[in-house]
Every structure is written in structure tokens, then in C-alpha cells.
Amino acid sequence: MDYELSFQAEKIFVHRWPHNTPEWSQEIKSKLDLTINKKVGIKNVIVLNDSINIEDFKFHNLIKIGISIPFFKDECRMIFECQFDGLFAHIHITKKGGNYIEILSDLIAWKKRFFPDDSN
């Protein structure tokens, strides 16, 4: 059975990680800035079995997935390492207000189901 969770996040930041991986081209950096990092407003996130789509990018080989609620904030965050287009990345997703508790619960259940050995 295929899994899919769609939600909209107000803040997403994608950057190269680890630093000993291949540099990103200026074209990739510009596209990420335009469609995700510096885009004002909401961004579409689709969580699938073993990958995450954010706007026009598909991120796979997910590891070190962290899901949490920061103290004193009405939001949830997910941070993870991944790959896309042969490149390595670290992604921070912030879902503010609204149904963030439901999204948090769904993300935790997704991680337990599809990444049971990821203890981070």
C-alpha cells in the first residue's frame, strides 16, 4: 500500500550537507532559492513511502529524520538528510499553526512505519 501525506509549510530551507559532498551548480542553487528557500508564502510538501516532494523537487535516500515541536511555539518541524538529482542535502521544514499537531502525529507514524531503524 502506498503512503501519501500532503500539507503546506510556511518555512523550508534546503542546503548542501555534508560539506564534503559535490558542490551545487548555480542553476540548482537559484532554482532552490526561487521555488523553496526564498519563496514567500506556503510551499507544498508531499510525503511518500520513502521520499518527499517539495514543490518541483523529489528528495530520496532519507536519513537522520527528526520530527519535533519547539518549546513555546505552535508549530512542528522536520529535519532530515537526503539526496536529489545526485546531490546531497539537509532540509528543515516548519509547519506553523493550523493542524500542526495532526501533521506531527502523521509524520511520526510515517517515520515509524517506513524508517523504523532511523533512531535520530
PDB file of N, CA and C in Angstrom:
ATOM      1  N   MET A   1       0.842  -1.185   0.000  1.00  0.00           N
ATOM      2  CA  MET A   1       0.000   0.000   0.000  1.00  0.00           C
ATOM      3  C   MET A   1       0.886   1.248   0.000  1.00  0.00           C
ATOM      4  N   ASP A   2       0.576   2.182  -0.856  1.00  0.00           N
ATOM      5  CA  ASP A   2       1.345   3.411  -0.955  1.00  0.00           C
ATOM      6  C   ASP A   2       0.861   4.423   0.070  1.00  0.00           C
ATOM      7  N   TYR A   3       1.797   5.183   0.591  1.00  0.00           N
ATOM      8  CA  TYR A   3       1.513   6.201   1.591  1.00  0.00           C
ATOM      9  C   TYR A   3       1.652   7.577   0.952  1.00  0.00           C
ATOM     10  N   GLU A   4       0.778   8.497   1.338  1.00  0.00           N
ATOM     11  CA  GLU A   4       0.892   9.871   0.887  1.00  0.00           C
ATOM     12  C   GLU A   4       0.290  10.809   1.926  1.00  0.00           C
ATOM     13  N   LEU A   5       1.083  11.775   2.335  1.00  0.00           N
ATOM     14  CA  LEU A   5       0.642  12.821   3.255  1.00  0.00           C
ATOM     15  C   LEU A   5       0.987  14.154   2.603  1.00  0.00           C
ATOM     16  N   SER A   6      -0.009  14.965   2.361  1.00  0.00           N
ATOM     17  CA  SER A   6       0.202  16.279   1.749  1.00  0.00           C
ATOM     18  C   SER A   6      -0.108  17.357   2.770  1.00  0.00           C
ATOM     19  N   PHE A   7       0.756  18.363   2.830  1.00  0.00           N
ATOM     20  CA  PHE A   7       0.495  19.520   3.666  1.00  0.00           C
ATOM     21  C   PHE A   7       1.261  20.715   3.115  1.00  0.00           C
ATOM     22  N   GLN A   8       0.967  21.860   3.667  1.00  0.00           N
ATOM     23  CA  GLN A   8       1.641  23.083   3.235  1.00  0.00           C
ATOM     24  C   GLN A   8       2.464  23.625   4.395  1.00  0.00           C
ATOM     25  N   ALA A   9       3.700  23.981   4.101  1.00  0.00           N
ATOM     26  CA  ALA A   9       4.611  24.501   5.112  1.00  0.00           C
ATOM     27  C   ALA A   9       4.945  25.952   4.813  1.00  0.00           C
ATOM     28  N   GLU A  10       5.086  26.714   5.865  1.00  0.00           N
ATOM     29  CA  GLU A  10       5.375  28.129   5.710  1.00  0.00           C
ATOM     30  C   GLU A  10       6.865  28.409   5.526  1.00  0.00           C
ATOM     31  N   LYS A  11       7.692  27.540   6.070  1.00  0.00           N
ATOM     32  CA  LYS A  11       9.133  27.786   6.020  1.00  0.00           C
ATOM     33  C   LYS A  11       9.863  26.478   5.691  1.00  0.00           C
ATOM     34  N   ILE A  12      10.693  26.528   4.668  1.00  0.00           N
ATOM     35  CA  ILE A  12      11.521  25.376   4.296  1.00  0.00           C
ATOM     36  C   ILE A  12      12.888  25.915   3.892  1.00  0.00           C
ATOM     37  N   PHE A  13      13.909  25.232   4.350  1.00  0.00           N
ATOM     38  CA  PHE A  13      15.266  25.613   3.971  1.00  0.00           C
ATOM     39  C   PHE A  13      16.026  24.370   3.539  1.00  0.00           C
ATOM     40  N   VAL A  14      16.591  24.402   2.341  1.00  0.00           N
ATOM     41  CA  VAL A  14      17.364  23.295   1.772  1.00  0.00           C
ATOM     42  C   VAL A  14      18.791  23.779   1.584  1.00  0.00           C
ATOM     43  N   HIS A  15      19.748  23.024   2.125  1.00  0.00           N
ATOM     44  CA  HIS A  15      21.144  23.397   1.913  1.00  0.00           C
ATOM     45  C   HIS A  15      22.000  22.145   1.736  1.00  0.00           C
ATOM     46  N   ARG A  16      23.180  22.332   1.160  1.00  0.00           N
ATOM     47  CA  ARG A  16      24.094  21.218   0.892  1.00  0.00           C
ATOM     48  C   ARG A  16      24.652  20.691   2.212  1.00  0.00           C
ATOM     49  N   TRP A  17      24.603  19.391   2.365  1.00  0.00           N
ATOM     50  CA  TRP A  17      25.141  18.730   3.552  1.00  0.00           C
ATOM     51  C   TRP A  17      25.347  17.280   3.237  1.00  0.00           C
ATOM     52  N   PRO A  18      26.375  16.657   3.656  1.00  0.00           N
ATOM     53  CA  PRO A  18      27.529  17.234   4.335  1.00  0.00           C
ATOM     54  C   PRO A  18      28.387  18.064   3.387  1.00  0.00           C
ATOM     55  N   HIS A  19      29.291  18.841   3.969  1.00  0.00           N
ATOM     56  CA  HIS A  19      30.095  19.771   3.182  1.00  0.00           C
ATOM     57  C   HIS A  19      31.160  19.098   2.327  1.00  0.00           C
ATOM     58  N   ASN A  20      31.418  17.844   2.555  1.00  0.00           N
ATOM     59  CA  ASN A  20      32.412  17.135   1.742  1.00  0.00           C
ATOM     60  C   ASN A  20      31.773  16.449   0.528  1.00  0.00           C
ATOM     61  N   THR A  21      30.555  16.835   0.185  1.00  0.00           N
ATOM     62  CA  THR A  21      29.860  16.297  -0.987  1.00  0.00           C
ATOM     63  C   THR A  21      30.000  17.283  -2.143  1.00  0.00           C
ATOM     64  N   PRO A  22      29.674  16.855  -3.363  1.00  0.00           N
ATOM     65  CA  PRO A  22      29.837  17.736  -4.527  1.00  0.00           C
ATOM     66  C   PRO A  22      29.108  19.074  -4.369  1.00  0.00           C
ATOM     67  N   GLU A  23      29.762  20.131  -4.848  1.00  0.00           N
ATOM     68  CA  GLU A  23      29.164  21.472  -4.847  1.00  0.00           C
ATOM     69  C   GLU A  23      27.919  21.483  -5.735  1.00  0.00           C
ATOM     70  N   TRP A  24      26.984  22.355  -5.419  1.00  0.00           N
ATOM     71  CA  TRP A  24      25.799  22.527  -6.235  1.00  0.00           C
ATOM     72  C   TRP A  24      26.079  23.582  -7.290  1.00  0.00           C
ATOM     73  N   SER A  25      25.508  23.385  -8.465  1.00  0.00           N
ATOM     74  CA  SER A  25      25.662  24.378  -9.530  1.00  0.00           C
ATOM     75  C   SER A  25      24.869  25.636  -9.169  1.00  0.00           C
ATOM     76  N   GLN A  26      25.221  26.734  -9.796  1.00  0.00           N
ATOM     77  CA  GLN A  26      24.489  27.979  -9.573  1.00  0.00           C
ATOM     78  C   GLN A  26      23.045  27.835 -10.035  1.00  0.00           C
ATOM     79  N   GLU A  27      22.818  27.031 -11.068  1.00  0.00           N
ATOM     80  CA  GLU A  27      21.460  26.790 -11.562  1.00  0.00           C
ATOM     81  C   GLU A  27      20.596  26.110 -10.498  1.00  0.00           C
ATOM     82  N   ILE A  28      21.140  25.080  -9.848  1.00  0.00           N
ATOM     83  CA  ILE A  28      20.403  24.373  -8.788  1.00  0.00           C
ATOM     84  C   ILE A  28      20.139  25.313  -7.609  1.00  0.00           C
ATOM     85  N   LYS A  29      21.167  26.051  -7.181  1.00  0.00           N
ATOM     86  CA  LYS A  29      21.000  26.995  -6.067  1.00  0.00           C
ATOM     87  C   LYS A  29      19.909  28.016  -6.382  1.00  0.00           C
ATOM     88  N   SER A  30      19.927  28.552  -7.581  1.00  0.00           N
ATOM     89  CA  SER A  30      18.941  29.555  -7.979  1.00  0.00           C
ATOM     90  C   SER A  30      17.537  28.969  -8.008  1.00  0.00           C
ATOM     91  N   LYS A  31      17.406  27.758  -8.545  1.00  0.00           N
ATOM     92  CA  LYS A  31      16.088  27.123  -8.598  1.00  0.00           C
ATOM     93  C   LYS A  31      15.559  26.838  -7.196  1.00  0.00           C
ATOM     94  N   LEU A  32      16.426  26.354  -6.302  1.00  0.00           N
ATOM     95  CA  LEU A  32      16.011  26.114  -4.912  1.00  0.00           C
ATOM     96  C   LEU A  32      15.602  27.412  -4.235  1.00  0.00           C
ATOM     97  N   ASP A  33      16.366  28.470  -4.440  1.00  0.00           N
ATOM     98  CA  ASP A  33      16.030  29.760  -3.836  1.00  0.00           C
ATOM     99  C   ASP A  33      14.698  30.282  -4.358  1.00  0.00           C
ATOM    100  N   LEU A  34      14.489  30.173  -5.646  1.00  0.00           N
ATOM    101  CA  LEU A  34      13.273  30.689  -6.267  1.00  0.00           C
ATOM    102  C   LEU A  34      12.030  29.909  -5.843  1.00  0.00           C
ATOM    103  N   THR A  35      12.127  28.585  -5.806  1.00  0.00           N
ATOM    104  CA  THR A  35      10.943  27.750  -5.566  1.00  0.00           C
ATOM    105  C   THR A  35      10.745  27.324  -4.117  1.00  0.00           C
ATOM    106  N   ILE A  36      11.817  27.397  -3.288  1.00  0.00           N
ATOM    107  CA  ILE A  36      11.688  26.916  -1.904  1.00  0.00           C
ATOM    108  C   ILE A  36      12.286  27.903  -0.899  1.00  0.00           C
ATOM    109  N   ASN A  37      13.594  28.047  -0.896  1.00  0.00           N
ATOM    110  CA  ASN A  37      14.284  28.764   0.182  1.00  0.00           C
ATOM    111  C   ASN A  37      13.837  30.210   0.363  1.00  0.00           C
ATOM    112  N   LYS A  38      13.709  30.935  -0.709  1.00  0.00           N
ATOM    113  CA  LYS A  38      13.365  32.359  -0.606  1.00  0.00           C
ATOM    114  C   LYS A  38      11.965  32.668  -1.086  1.00  0.00           C
ATOM    115  N   LYS A  39      11.212  31.629  -1.400  1.00  0.00           N
ATOM    116  CA  LYS A  39       9.824  31.822  -1.840  1.00  0.00           C
ATOM    117  C   LYS A  39       8.986  32.278  -0.649  1.00  0.00           C
ATOM    118  N   VAL A  40       8.288  33.384  -0.828  1.00  0.00           N
ATOM    119  CA  VAL A  40       7.420  33.900   0.217  1.00  0.00           C
ATOM    120  C   VAL A  40       6.103  33.138   0.176  1.00  0.00           C
ATOM    121  N   GLY A  41       5.590  32.788   1.341  1.00  0.00           N
ATOM    122  CA  GLY A  41       4.310  32.098   1.414  1.00  0.00           C
ATOM    123  C   GLY A  41       4.477  30.603   1.603  1.00  0.00           C
ATOM    124  N   ILE A  42       3.415  29.898   1.318  1.00  0.00           N
ATOM    125  CA  ILE A  42       3.382  28.463   1.580  1.00  0.00           C
ATOM    126  C   ILE A  42       4.089  27.670   0.486  1.00  0.00           C
ATOM    127  N   LYS A  43       4.585  26.508   0.901  1.00  0.00           N
ATOM    128  CA  LYS A  43       5.211  25.568  -0.026  1.00  0.00           C
ATOM    129  C   LYS A  43       4.508  24.235   0.127  1.00  0.00           C
ATOM    130  N   ASN A  44       4.317  23.537  -0.974  1.00  0.00           N
ATOM    131  CA  ASN A  44       3.638  22.248  -0.958  1.00  0.00           C
ATOM    132  C   ASN A  44       4.618  21.124  -0.662  1.00  0.00           C
ATOM    133  N   VAL A  45       4.219  20.274   0.288  1.00  0.00           N
ATOM    134  CA  VAL A  45       5.032  19.136   0.702  1.00  0.00           C
ATOM    135  C   VAL A  45       4.190  17.878   0.531  1.00  0.00           C
ATOM    136  N   ILE A  46       4.768  16.871  -0.109  1.00  0.00           N
ATOM    137  CA  ILE A  46       4.101  15.573  -0.236  1.00  0.00           C
ATOM    138  C   ILE A  46       5.066  14.509   0.285  1.00  0.00           C
ATOM    139  N   VAL A  47       4.664  13.860   1.369  1.00  0.00           N
ATOM    140  CA  VAL A  47       5.461  12.804   1.979  1.00  0.00           C
ATOM    141  C   VAL A  47       4.964  11.479   1.417  1.00  0.00           C
ATOM    142  N   LEU A  48       5.865  10.723   0.806  1.00  0.00           N
ATOM    143  CA  LEU A  48       5.537   9.420   0.222  1.00  0.00           C
ATOM    144  C   LEU A  48       6.231   8.332   1.033  1.00  0.00           C
ATOM    145  N   ASN A  49       6.100   7.079   0.614  1.00  0.00           N
ATOM    146  CA  ASN A  49       6.699   5.961   1.349  1.00  0.00           C
ATOM    147  C   ASN A  49       8.136   6.248   1.767  1.00  0.00           C
ATOM    148  N   ASP A  50       8.987   6.535   0.795  1.00  0.00           N
ATOM    149  CA  ASP A  50      10.418   6.663   1.073  1.00  0.00           C
ATOM    150  C   ASP A  50      11.033   7.909   0.455  1.00  0.00           C
ATOM    151  N   SER A  51      10.209   8.889   0.153  1.00  0.00           N
ATOM    152  CA  SER A  51      10.707  10.135  -0.426  1.00  0.00           C
ATOM    153  C   SER A  51       9.774  11.281  -0.051  1.00  0.00           C
ATOM    154  N   ILE A  52      10.270  12.505  -0.290  1.00  0.00           N
ATOM    155  CA  ILE A  52       9.472  13.691  -0.012  1.00  0.00           C
ATOM    156  C   ILE A  52       9.583  14.629  -1.204  1.00  0.00           C
ATOM    157  N   ASN A  53       8.440  15.068  -1.710  1.00  0.00           N
ATOM    158  CA  ASN A  53       8.397  16.051  -2.787  1.00  0.00           C
ATOM    159  C   ASN A  53       8.108  17.417  -2.177  1.00  0.00           C
ATOM    160  N   ILE A  54       8.927  18.385  -2.553  1.00  0.00           N
ATOM    161  CA  ILE A  54       8.702  19.768  -2.138  1.00  0.00           C
ATOM    162  C   ILE A  54       8.736  20.599  -3.409  1.00  0.00           C
ATOM    163  N   GLU A  55       7.597  21.217  -3.714  1.00  0.00           N
ATOM    164  CA  GLU A  55       7.465  21.965  -4.959  1.00  0.00           C
ATOM    165  C   GLU A  55       7.914  21.084  -6.125  1.00  0.00           C
ATOM    166  N   ASP A  56       8.922  21.485  -6.897  1.00  0.00           N
ATOM    167  CA  ASP A  56       9.339  20.724  -8.086  1.00  0.00           C
ATOM    168  C   ASP A  56      10.482  19.749  -7.830  1.00  0.00           C
ATOM    169  N   PHE A  57      10.820  19.519  -6.585  1.00  0.00           N
ATOM    170  CA  PHE A  57      11.965  18.655  -6.256  1.00  0.00           C
ATOM    171  C   PHE A  57      11.500  17.381  -5.567  1.00  0.00           C
ATOM    172  N   LYS A  58      12.181  16.272  -5.903  1.00  0.00           N
ATOM    173  CA  LYS A  58      11.930  14.997  -5.229  1.00  0.00           C
ATOM    174  C   LYS A  58      13.189  14.637  -4.451  1.00  0.00           C
ATOM    175  N   PHE A  59      13.037  14.464  -3.146  1.00  0.00           N
ATOM    176  CA  PHE A  59      14.144  14.128  -2.260  1.00  0.00           C
ATOM    177  C   PHE A  59      14.004  12.669  -1.826  1.00  0.00           C
ATOM    178  N   HIS A  60      15.096  11.918  -1.916  1.00  0.00           N
ATOM    179  CA  HIS A  60      15.069  10.486  -1.611  1.00  0.00           C
ATOM    180  C   HIS A  60      16.281  10.116  -0.768  1.00  0.00           C
ATOM    181  N   ASN A  61      16.437   8.834  -0.457  1.00  0.00           N
ATOM    182  CA  ASN A  61      17.512   8.344   0.415  1.00  0.00           C
ATOM    183  C   ASN A  61      17.525   9.121   1.728  1.00  0.00           C
ATOM    184  N   LEU A  62      16.375   9.218   2.349  1.00  0.00           N
ATOM    185  CA  LEU A  62      16.218   9.983   3.585  1.00  0.00           C
ATOM    186  C   LEU A  62      16.913   9.281   4.749  1.00  0.00           C
ATOM    187  N   ILE A  63      17.633  10.056   5.557  1.00  0.00           N
ATOM    188  CA  ILE A  63      18.258   9.534   6.782  1.00  0.00           C
ATOM    189  C   ILE A  63      18.231  10.626   7.848  1.00  0.00           C
ATOM    190  N   LYS A  64      18.496  10.223   9.076  1.00  0.00           N
ATOM    191  CA  LYS A  64      18.576  11.142  10.218  1.00  0.00           C
ATOM    192  C   LYS A  64      17.359  12.060  10.271  1.00  0.00           C
ATOM    193  N   ILE A  65      16.187  11.448  10.302  1.00  0.00           N
ATOM    194  CA  ILE A  65      14.925  12.184  10.289  1.00  0.00           C
ATOM    195  C   ILE A  65      14.552  12.576  11.718  1.00  0.00           C
ATOM    196  N   GLY A  66      14.413  13.869  11.938  1.00  0.00           N
ATOM    197  CA  GLY A  66      13.990  14.372  13.241  1.00  0.00           C
ATOM    198  C   GLY A  66      12.669  15.106  13.103  1.00  0.00           C
ATOM    199  N   ILE A  67      11.736  14.814  14.017  1.00  0.00           N
ATOM    200  CA  ILE A  67      10.409  15.432  13.990  1.00  0.00           C
ATOM    201  C   ILE A  67      10.123  15.928  15.404  1.00  0.00           C
ATOM    202  N   SER A  68       9.770  17.213  15.543  1.00  0.00           N
ATOM    203  CA  SER A  68       9.602  17.743  16.901  1.00  0.00           C
ATOM    204  C   SER A  68       8.708  18.980  16.917  1.00  0.00           C
ATOM    205  N   ILE A  69       8.361  19.386  18.150  1.00  0.00           N
ATOM    206  CA  ILE A  69       7.680  20.652  18.398  1.00  0.00           C
ATOM    207  C   ILE A  69       8.617  21.471  19.272  1.00  0.00           C
ATOM    208  N   PRO A  70       9.022  22.648  18.804  1.00  0.00           N
ATOM    209  CA  PRO A  70       9.882  23.503  19.631  1.00  0.00           C
ATOM    210  C   PRO A  70       9.112  24.042  20.844  1.00  0.00           C
ATOM    211  N   PHE A  71       9.816  24.260  21.949  1.00  0.00           N
ATOM    212  CA  PHE A  71       9.182  24.830  23.132  1.00  0.00           C
ATOM    213  C   PHE A  71       8.544  26.181  22.808  1.00  0.00           C
ATOM    214  N   PHE A  72       7.354  26.392  23.362  1.00  0.00           N
ATOM    215  CA  PHE A  72       6.660  27.674  23.309  1.00  0.00           C
ATOM    216  C   PHE A  72       6.264  28.130  21.902  1.00  0.00           C
ATOM    217  N   LYS A  73       6.152  27.195  20.966  1.00  0.00           N
ATOM    218  CA  LYS A  73       5.771  27.562  19.601  1.00  0.00           C
ATOM    219  C   LYS A  73       4.624  26.673  19.146  1.00  0.00           C
ATOM    220  N   ASP A  74       3.728  27.244  18.358  1.00  0.00           N
ATOM    221  CA  ASP A  74       2.620  26.490  17.767  1.00  0.00           C
ATOM    222  C   ASP A  74       3.032  26.043  16.370  1.00  0.00           C
ATOM    223  N   GLU A  75       3.970  25.098  16.329  1.00  0.00           N
ATOM    224  CA  GLU A  75       4.489  24.608  15.063  1.00  0.00           C
ATOM    225  C   GLU A  75       5.167  23.266  15.272  1.00  0.00           C
ATOM    226  N   CYS A  76       5.349  22.544  14.174  1.00  0.00           N
ATOM    227  CA  CYS A  76       6.160  21.329  14.215  1.00  0.00           C
ATOM    228  C   CYS A  76       7.244  21.463  13.159  1.00  0.00           C
ATOM    229  N   ARG A  77       8.322  20.744  13.384  1.00  0.00           N
ATOM    230  CA  ARG A  77       9.463  20.799  12.472  1.00  0.00           C
ATOM    231  C   ARG A  77       9.911  19.389  12.125  1.00  0.00           C
ATOM    232  N   MET A  78      10.386  19.274  10.896  1.00  0.00           N
ATOM    233  CA  MET A  78      11.022  18.036  10.460  1.00  0.00           C
ATOM    234  C   MET A  78      12.344  18.421   9.810  1.00  0.00           C
ATOM    235  N   ILE A  79      13.396  17.717  10.204  1.00  0.00           N
ATOM    236  CA  ILE A  79      14.728  17.948   9.665  1.00  0.00           C
ATOM    237  C   ILE A  79      15.266  16.591   9.223  1.00  0.00           C
ATOM    238  N   PHE A  80      15.902  16.552   8.050  1.00  0.00           N
ATOM    239  CA  PHE A  80      16.438  15.282   7.568  1.00  0.00           C
ATOM    240  C   PHE A  80      17.531  15.513   6.543  1.00  0.00           C
ATOM    241  N   GLU A  81      18.339  14.471   6.335  1.00  0.00           N
ATOM    242  CA  GLU A  81      19.331  14.455   5.273  1.00  0.00           C
ATOM    243  C   GLU A  81      18.764  13.620   4.139  1.00  0.00           C
ATOM    244  N   CYS A  82      19.187  13.952   2.903  1.00  0.00           N
ATOM    245  CA  CYS A  82      18.632  13.260   1.749  1.00  0.00           C
ATOM    246  C   CYS A  82      19.503  13.497   0.525  1.00  0.00           C
ATOM    247  N   GLN A  83      18.992  13.011  -0.611  1.00  0.00           N
ATOM    248  CA  GLN A  83      19.632  13.250  -1.897  1.00  0.00           C
ATOM    249  C   GLN A  83      18.574  13.688  -2.904  1.00  0.00           C
ATOM    250  N   PHE A  84      19.037  14.401  -3.939  1.00  0.00           N
ATOM    251  CA  PHE A  84      18.188  14.762  -5.072  1.00  0.00           C
ATOM    252  C   PHE A  84      19.097  15.027  -6.257  1.00  0.00           C
ATOM    253  N   ASP A  85      18.708  14.575  -7.398  1.00  0.00           N
ATOM    254  CA  ASP A  85      19.473  14.799  -8.629  1.00  0.00           C
ATOM    255  C   ASP A  85      20.960  14.492  -8.450  1.00  0.00           C
ATOM    256  N   GLY A  86      21.297  13.451  -7.692  1.00  0.00           N
ATOM    257  CA  GLY A  86      22.691  13.085  -7.476  1.00  0.00           C
ATOM    258  C   GLY A  86      23.431  13.968  -6.488  1.00  0.00           C
ATOM    259  N   LEU A  87      22.721  14.850  -5.809  1.00  0.00           N
ATOM    260  CA  LEU A  87      23.328  15.763  -4.846  1.00  0.00           C
ATOM    261  C   LEU A  87      22.840  15.458  -3.436  1.00  0.00           C
ATOM    262  N   PHE A  88      23.580  15.926  -2.446  1.00  0.00           N
ATOM    263  CA  PHE A  88      23.245  15.688  -1.048  1.00  0.00           C
ATOM    264  C   PHE A  88      22.704  16.961  -0.419  1.00  0.00           C
ATOM    265  N   ALA A  89      21.720  16.808   0.491  1.00  0.00           N
ATOM    266  CA  ALA A  89      21.080  17.971   1.095  1.00  0.00           C
ATOM    267  C   ALA A  89      20.653  17.693   2.534  1.00  0.00           C
ATOM    268  N   HIS A  90      20.427  18.781   3.236  1.00  0.00           N
ATOM    269  CA  HIS A  90      19.860  18.786   4.578  1.00  0.00           C
ATOM    270  C   HIS A  90      18.655  19.715   4.497  1.00  0.00           C
ATOM    271  N   ILE A  91      17.502  19.272   4.987  1.00  0.00           N
ATOM    272  CA  ILE A  91      16.276  20.045   4.812  1.00  0.00           C
ATOM    273  C   ILE A  91      15.603  20.289   6.154  1.00  0.00           C
ATOM    274  N   HIS A  92      15.137  21.519   6.338  1.00  0.00           N
ATOM    275  CA  HIS A  92      14.384  21.938   7.515  1.00  0.00           C
ATOM    276  C   HIS A  92      12.994  22.349   7.038  1.00  0.00           C
ATOM    277  N   ILE A  93      11.956  21.705   7.566  1.00  0.00           N
ATOM    278  CA  ILE A  93      10.573  22.039   7.204  1.00  0.00           C
ATOM    279  C   ILE A  93       9.853  22.496   8.469  1.00  0.00           C
ATOM    280  N   THR A  94       9.176  23.630   8.396  1.00  0.00           N
ATOM    281  CA  THR A  94       8.405  24.141   9.530  1.00  0.00           C
ATOM    282  C   THR A  94       6.949  24.313   9.118  1.00  0.00           C
ATOM    283  N   LYS A  95       6.067  23.634   9.846  1.00  0.00           N
ATOM    284  CA  LYS A  95       4.616  23.762   9.666  1.00  0.00           C
ATOM    285  C   LYS A  95       4.089  24.547  10.857  1.00  0.00           C
ATOM    286  N   LYS A  96       3.574  25.749  10.603  1.00  0.00           N
ATOM    287  CA  LYS A  96       3.111  26.624  11.678  1.00  0.00           C
ATOM    288  C   LYS A  96       1.594  26.588  11.805  1.00  0.00           C
ATOM    289  N   GLY A  97       1.123  26.618  13.052  1.00  0.00           N
ATOM    290  CA  GLY A  97      -0.296  26.760  13.354  1.00  0.00           C
ATOM    291  C   GLY A  97      -1.190  25.743  12.676  1.00  0.00           C
ATOM    292  N   GLY A  98      -2.468  26.083  12.649  1.00  0.00           N
ATOM    293  CA  GLY A  98      -3.452  25.218  11.996  1.00  0.00           C
ATOM    294  C   GLY A  98      -3.436  23.807  12.554  1.00  0.00           C
ATOM    295  N   ASN A  99      -3.287  22.846  11.679  1.00  0.00           N
ATOM    296  CA  ASN A  99      -3.338  21.431  12.059  1.00  0.00           C
ATOM    297  C   ASN A  99      -1.936  20.847  12.308  1.00  0.00           C
ATOM    298  N   TYR A 100      -1.020  21.644  12.851  1.00  0.00           N
ATOM    299  CA  TYR A 100       0.352  21.180  13.016  1.00  0.00           C
ATOM    300  C   TYR A 100       0.459  19.966  13.939  1.00  0.00           C
ATOM    301  N   ILE A 101      -0.437  19.827  14.911  1.00  0.00           N
ATOM    302  CA  ILE A 101      -0.404  18.654  15.798  1.00  0.00           C
ATOM    303  C   ILE A 101      -0.756  17.391  15.008  1.00  0.00           C
ATOM    304  N   GLU A 102      -1.752  17.466  14.142  1.00  0.00           N
ATOM    305  CA  GLU A 102      -2.120  16.329  13.303  1.00  0.00           C
ATOM    306  C   GLU A 102      -0.985  15.967  12.353  1.00  0.00           C
ATOM    307  N   ILE A 103      -0.355  16.983  11.751  1.00  0.00           N
ATOM    308  CA  ILE A 103       0.774  16.743  10.845  1.00  0.00           C
ATOM    309  C   ILE A 103       1.909  16.082  11.616  1.00  0.00           C
ATOM    310  N   LEU A 104       2.213  16.579  12.807  1.00  0.00           N
ATOM    311  CA  LEU A 104       3.252  15.983  13.651  1.00  0.00           C
ATOM    312  C   LEU A 104       2.963  14.509  13.897  1.00  0.00           C
ATOM    313  N   SER A 105       1.746  14.205  14.292  1.00  0.00           N
ATOM    314  CA  SER A 105       1.352  12.819  14.566  1.00  0.00           C
ATOM    315  C   SER A 105       1.491  11.946  13.319  1.00  0.00           C
ATOM    316  N   ASP A 106       1.042  12.459  12.190  1.00  0.00           N
ATOM    317  CA  ASP A 106       1.141  11.706  10.936  1.00  0.00           C
ATOM    318  C   ASP A 106       2.600  11.485  10.535  1.00  0.00           C
ATOM    319  N   LEU A 107       3.447  12.493  10.709  1.00  0.00           N
ATOM    320  CA  LEU A 107       4.863  12.352  10.364  1.00  0.00           C
ATOM    321  C   LEU A 107       5.564  11.343  11.255  1.00  0.00           C
ATOM    322  N   ILE A 108       5.238  11.344  12.541  1.00  0.00           N
ATOM    323  CA  ILE A 108       5.834  10.362  13.463  1.00  0.00           C
ATOM    324  C   ILE A 108       5.409   8.949  13.077  1.00  0.00           C
ATOM    325  N   ALA A 109       4.136   8.760  12.757  1.00  0.00           N
ATOM    326  CA  ALA A 109       3.647   7.439  12.338  1.00  0.00           C
ATOM    327  C   ALA A 109       4.326   7.009  11.032  1.00  0.00           C
ATOM    328  N   TRP A 110       4.493   7.935  10.080  1.00  0.00           N
ATOM    329  CA  TRP A 110       5.183   7.652   8.814  1.00  0.00           C
ATOM    330  C   TRP A 110       6.617   7.212   9.074  1.00  0.00           C
ATOM    331  N   LYS A 111       7.323   7.946   9.929  1.00  0.00           N
ATOM    332  CA  LYS A 111       8.719   7.609  10.213  1.00  0.00           C
ATOM    333  C   LYS A 111       8.826   6.216  10.857  1.00  0.00           C
ATOM    334  N   LYS A 112       7.959   5.922  11.812  1.00  0.00           N
ATOM    335  CA  LYS A 112       7.985   4.611  12.472  1.00  0.00           C
ATOM    336  C   LYS A 112       7.701   3.483  11.483  1.00  0.00           C
ATOM    337  N   ARG A 113       6.828   3.731  10.534  1.00  0.00           N
ATOM    338  CA  ARG A 113       6.439   2.710   9.559  1.00  0.00           C
ATOM    339  C   ARG A 113       7.520   2.474   8.505  1.00  0.00           C
ATOM    340  N   PHE A 114       8.049   3.540   7.930  1.00  0.00           N
ATOM    341  CA  PHE A 114       8.950   3.404   6.788  1.00  0.00           C
ATOM    342  C   PHE A 114      10.438   3.537   7.133  1.00  0.00           C
ATOM    343  N   PHE A 115      10.753   4.053   8.305  1.00  0.00           N
ATOM    344  CA  PHE A 115      12.148   4.219   8.719  1.00  0.00           C
ATOM    345  C   PHE A 115      12.327   3.765  10.173  1.00  0.00           C
ATOM    346  N   PRO A 116      11.948   2.525  10.477  1.00  0.00           N
ATOM    347  CA  PRO A 116      11.972   2.072  11.868  1.00  0.00           C
ATOM    348  C   PRO A 116      13.381   2.027  12.487  1.00  0.00           C
ATOM    349  N   ASP A 117      14.407   1.920  11.664  1.00  0.00           N
ATOM    350  CA  ASP A 117      15.769   1.834  12.184  1.00  0.00           C
ATOM    351  C   ASP A 117      16.466   3.185  12.276  1.00  0.00           C
ATOM    352  N   ASP A 118      15.798   4.244  11.879  1.00  0.00           N
ATOM    353  CA  ASP A 118      16.365   5.587  11.964  1.00  0.00           C
ATOM    354  C   ASP A 118      16.123   6.109  13.366  1.00  0.00           C
ATOM    355  N   SER A 119      17.143   6.052  14.203  1.00  0.00           N
ATOM    356  CA  SER A 119      16.969   6.413  15.615  1.00  0.00           C
ATOM    357  C   SER A 119      17.238   7.872  15.901  1.00  0.00           C
ATOM    358  N   ASN A 120      17.496   8.660  14.887  1.00  0.00           N
ATOM    359  CA  ASN A 120      17.793  10.078  15.102  1.00  0.00           C
ATOM    360  C   ASN A 120      16.527  10.888  15.192  1.00  0.00           C
TER     361      ASN A 120
END
